[in-house]
Amino acid sequence: MLPVIAPAQFEAWGQWLDRLARLQATLRDRQRQSLGAGYDELALVLCGKRQARIIRLRRGDAWKLWRRAPLTPLFAEAE
């Protein structure tokens, strides 16, 4: 999977949108696979420099997390 952040660092927004769309498709496929295998949820581990966060996606949850909550607290690291 290609990193999503790299194009944003260089303000290549078209490339960033393409990679974000591919990330969403990959995550949707993983969700289908895990739910199809009988799991009730899929856990995403977001790793930063000083901490990690776990996001749990359950049946019926949408992948576009930013539609229901701001991204800043999700990706922010503790001071």
N, C-alpha and C. Protein backbone atom coordinates (compact mmCIF):
# COMPACT_ATOMS: atom_id res chain seq x y z
N MET A 1 0.85 -1.17 0.00
CA MET A 1 0.00 0.00 0.00
C MET A 1 0.90 1.24 0.00
N LEU A 2 0.54 2.21 -0.78
CA LEU A 2 1.33 3.43 -0.88
C LEU A 2 1.02 4.37 0.28
N PRO A 3 2.03 5.06 0.80
CA PRO A 3 1.77 6.03 1.87
C PRO A 3 0.87 7.16 1.38
N VAL A 4 -0.06 7.57 2.20
CA VAL A 4 -0.99 8.63 1.84
C VAL A 4 -0.39 10.01 2.13
N ILE A 5 0.45 10.10 3.14
CA ILE A 5 0.95 11.40 3.58
C ILE A 5 1.99 12.00 2.64
N ALA A 6 2.76 11.18 1.94
CA ALA A 6 3.85 11.71 1.11
C ALA A 6 3.40 12.75 0.09
N PRO A 7 2.35 12.52 -0.70
CA PRO A 7 1.93 13.55 -1.66
C PRO A 7 1.48 14.85 -0.97
N ALA A 8 0.87 14.73 0.21
CA ALA A 8 0.42 15.93 0.92
C ALA A 8 1.61 16.78 1.37
N GLN A 9 2.69 16.13 1.72
CA GLN A 9 3.88 16.87 2.15
C GLN A 9 4.43 17.74 1.01
N PHE A 10 4.21 17.31 -0.22
CA PHE A 10 4.69 18.06 -1.38
C PHE A 10 3.56 18.81 -2.09
N GLU A 11 2.39 18.88 -1.43
CA GLU A 11 1.20 19.55 -1.96
C GLU A 11 0.79 19.04 -3.33
N ALA A 12 0.97 17.75 -3.55
CA ALA A 12 0.52 17.09 -4.78
C ALA A 12 -0.89 16.55 -4.51
N TRP A 13 -1.86 17.45 -4.49
CA TRP A 13 -3.20 17.11 -4.02
C TRP A 13 -3.92 16.11 -4.91
N GLY A 14 -3.71 16.14 -6.21
CA GLY A 14 -4.34 15.15 -7.08
C GLY A 14 -3.85 13.76 -6.76
N GLN A 15 -2.56 13.62 -6.55
CA GLN A 15 -1.98 12.32 -6.19
C GLN A 15 -2.46 11.89 -4.80
N TRP A 16 -2.57 12.86 -3.89
CA TRP A 16 -3.05 12.56 -2.55
C TRP A 16 -4.47 12.02 -2.59
N LEU A 17 -5.36 12.65 -3.37
CA LEU A 17 -6.74 12.18 -3.49
C LEU A 17 -6.80 10.78 -4.08
N ASP A 18 -5.95 10.50 -5.06
CA ASP A 18 -5.89 9.16 -5.65
C ASP A 18 -5.49 8.12 -4.61
N ARG A 19 -4.46 8.43 -3.83
CA ARG A 19 -4.01 7.48 -2.81
C ARG A 19 -5.04 7.32 -1.71
N LEU A 20 -5.73 8.39 -1.35
CA LEU A 20 -6.78 8.29 -0.34
C LEU A 20 -7.91 7.39 -0.83
N ALA A 21 -8.28 7.52 -2.09
CA ALA A 21 -9.33 6.67 -2.66
C ALA A 21 -8.89 5.21 -2.66
N ARG A 22 -7.62 4.95 -2.99
CA ARG A 22 -7.12 3.58 -2.96
C ARG A 22 -7.08 3.03 -1.54
N LEU A 23 -6.72 3.88 -0.57
CA LEU A 23 -6.73 3.45 0.83
C LEU A 23 -8.14 3.07 1.27
N GLN A 24 -9.11 3.91 0.91
CA GLN A 24 -10.51 3.61 1.26
C GLN A 24 -10.96 2.28 0.66
N ALA A 25 -10.62 2.04 -0.60
CA ALA A 25 -11.00 0.78 -1.25
C ALA A 25 -10.36 -0.41 -0.55
N THR A 26 -9.09 -0.27 -0.19
CA THR A 26 -8.39 -1.35 0.51
C THR A 26 -9.03 -1.62 1.86
N LEU A 27 -9.35 -0.57 2.60
CA LEU A 27 -9.97 -0.75 3.91
C LEU A 27 -11.35 -1.36 3.80
N ARG A 28 -12.11 -0.94 2.78
CA ARG A 28 -13.43 -1.54 2.56
C ARG A 28 -13.30 -3.04 2.30
N ASP A 29 -12.31 -3.43 1.47
CA ASP A 29 -12.08 -4.84 1.19
C ASP A 29 -11.71 -5.61 2.46
N ARG A 30 -10.85 -5.01 3.28
CA ARG A 30 -10.45 -5.66 4.55
C ARG A 30 -11.64 -5.82 5.48
N GLN A 31 -12.51 -4.79 5.50
CA GLN A 31 -13.71 -4.88 6.34
C GLN A 31 -14.60 -6.02 5.87
N ARG A 32 -14.83 -6.11 4.57
CA ARG A 32 -15.66 -7.20 4.03
C ARG A 32 -15.06 -8.56 4.37
N GLN A 33 -13.74 -8.68 4.21
CA GLN A 33 -13.08 -9.95 4.49
C GLN A 33 -13.20 -10.33 5.97
N SER A 34 -12.98 -9.37 6.86
CA SER A 34 -13.03 -9.70 8.28
C SER A 34 -14.45 -10.01 8.74
N LEU A 35 -15.43 -9.23 8.27
CA LEU A 35 -16.81 -9.51 8.65
C LEU A 35 -17.28 -10.82 8.02
N GLY A 36 -16.85 -11.10 6.79
CA GLY A 36 -17.19 -12.35 6.13
C GLY A 36 -16.59 -13.56 6.82
N ALA A 37 -15.47 -13.36 7.51
CA ALA A 37 -14.82 -14.45 8.24
C ALA A 37 -15.43 -14.64 9.63
N GLY A 38 -16.41 -13.81 9.98
CA GLY A 38 -17.10 -13.97 11.25
C GLY A 38 -16.67 -13.03 12.36
N TYR A 39 -15.74 -12.15 12.10
CA TYR A 39 -15.33 -11.19 13.11
C TYR A 39 -16.38 -10.09 13.24
N ASP A 40 -16.53 -9.55 14.44
CA ASP A 40 -17.51 -8.49 14.69
C ASP A 40 -16.97 -7.09 14.43
N GLU A 41 -15.64 -6.96 14.41
CA GLU A 41 -15.05 -5.64 14.21
C GLU A 41 -13.66 -5.78 13.60
N LEU A 42 -13.19 -4.66 13.09
CA LEU A 42 -11.84 -4.58 12.55
C LEU A 42 -11.15 -3.43 13.28
N ALA A 43 -9.96 -3.68 13.80
CA ALA A 43 -9.23 -2.66 14.54
C ALA A 43 -8.13 -2.09 13.65
N LEU A 44 -8.07 -0.76 13.56
CA LEU A 44 -7.00 -0.07 12.86
C LEU A 44 -6.08 0.52 13.91
N VAL A 45 -4.79 0.33 13.74
CA VAL A 45 -3.82 0.90 14.66
C VAL A 45 -3.11 2.03 13.94
N LEU A 46 -3.32 3.25 14.41
CA LEU A 46 -2.70 4.44 13.83
C LEU A 46 -1.48 4.78 14.68
N CYS A 47 -0.30 4.70 14.08
CA CYS A 47 0.94 4.90 14.82
C CYS A 47 1.55 6.26 14.50
N GLY A 48 1.92 6.97 15.54
CA GLY A 48 2.61 8.24 15.40
C GLY A 48 4.01 8.12 15.97
N LYS A 49 4.65 9.24 16.17
CA LYS A 49 6.01 9.23 16.70
C LYS A 49 6.05 8.85 18.18
N ARG A 50 5.01 9.26 18.94
CA ARG A 50 5.04 9.04 20.38
C ARG A 50 3.90 8.18 20.91
N GLN A 51 2.96 7.85 20.09
CA GLN A 51 1.83 7.08 20.59
C GLN A 51 1.13 6.35 19.45
N ALA A 52 0.25 5.45 19.83
CA ALA A 52 -0.58 4.74 18.86
C ALA A 52 -2.03 4.86 19.31
N ARG A 53 -2.93 4.88 18.35
CA ARG A 53 -4.37 4.90 18.64
C ARG A 53 -5.01 3.73 17.94
N ILE A 54 -6.00 3.17 18.58
CA ILE A 54 -6.73 2.06 17.99
C ILE A 54 -8.14 2.54 17.67
N ILE A 55 -8.52 2.37 16.42
CA ILE A 55 -9.86 2.71 15.96
C ILE A 55 -10.57 1.39 15.66
N ARG A 56 -11.70 1.17 16.28
CA ARG A 56 -12.45 -0.06 16.06
C ARG A 56 -13.64 0.22 15.16
N LEU A 57 -13.71 -0.51 14.07
CA LEU A 57 -14.81 -0.37 13.12
C LEU A 57 -15.69 -1.61 13.21
N ARG A 58 -16.94 -1.37 13.51
CA ARG A 58 -17.89 -2.47 13.68
C ARG A 58 -18.83 -2.54 12.49
N ARG A 59 -19.63 -3.56 12.46
CA ARG A 59 -20.61 -3.70 11.38
C ARG A 59 -21.43 -2.42 11.27
N GLY A 60 -21.61 -1.95 10.06
CA GLY A 60 -22.41 -0.75 9.84
C GLY A 60 -21.64 0.55 9.92
N ASP A 61 -20.42 0.52 10.45
CA ASP A 61 -19.61 1.74 10.50
C ASP A 61 -19.12 2.08 9.10
N ALA A 62 -19.13 3.35 8.79
CA ALA A 62 -18.61 3.81 7.50
C ALA A 62 -17.11 4.03 7.61
N TRP A 63 -16.41 3.89 6.50
CA TRP A 63 -14.96 4.10 6.50
C TRP A 63 -14.60 5.56 6.49
N LYS A 64 -15.46 6.40 6.01
CA LYS A 64 -15.12 7.81 5.92
C LYS A 64 -15.32 8.45 7.29
N LEU A 65 -14.36 8.20 8.17
CA LEU A 65 -14.46 8.64 9.56
C LEU A 65 -14.60 10.14 9.69
N TRP A 66 -14.02 10.90 8.75
CA TRP A 66 -14.06 12.35 8.86
C TRP A 66 -15.44 12.92 8.61
N ARG A 67 -16.37 12.13 8.12
CA ARG A 67 -17.72 12.64 7.92
C ARG A 67 -18.47 12.76 9.24
N ARG A 68 -18.08 11.97 10.23
CA ARG A 68 -18.80 12.03 11.49
C ARG A 68 -17.98 12.64 12.62
N ALA A 69 -16.72 12.91 12.41
CA ALA A 69 -15.89 13.51 13.45
C ALA A 69 -14.72 14.22 12.81
N PRO A 70 -14.22 15.27 13.45
CA PRO A 70 -13.05 15.95 12.90
C PRO A 70 -11.82 15.06 12.99
N LEU A 71 -10.93 15.18 12.02
CA LEU A 71 -9.72 14.34 11.99
C LEU A 71 -8.65 14.81 12.96
N THR A 72 -8.62 16.07 13.31
CA THR A 72 -7.54 16.59 14.14
C THR A 72 -7.37 15.80 15.44
N PRO A 73 -8.41 15.58 16.23
CA PRO A 73 -8.21 14.82 17.47
C PRO A 73 -7.80 13.36 17.19
N LEU A 74 -8.25 12.82 16.09
CA LEU A 74 -7.94 11.44 15.76
C LEU A 74 -6.44 11.24 15.52
N PHE A 75 -5.83 12.19 14.81
CA PHE A 75 -4.42 12.05 14.46
C PHE A 75 -3.47 12.84 15.34
N ALA A 76 -4.00 13.64 16.26
CA ALA A 76 -3.15 14.46 17.12
C ALA A 76 -2.40 13.57 18.12
N GLU A 77 -1.18 13.96 18.41
CA GLU A 77 -0.39 13.25 19.41
C GLU A 77 -0.35 14.05 20.69
N ALA A 78 -0.20 13.36 21.79
CA ALA A 78 -0.11 14.02 23.10
C ALA A 78 1.19 14.82 23.17
N GLU A 79 1.14 15.89 23.92
CA GLU A 79 2.33 16.73 24.10
C GLU A 79 3.33 16.07 25.00
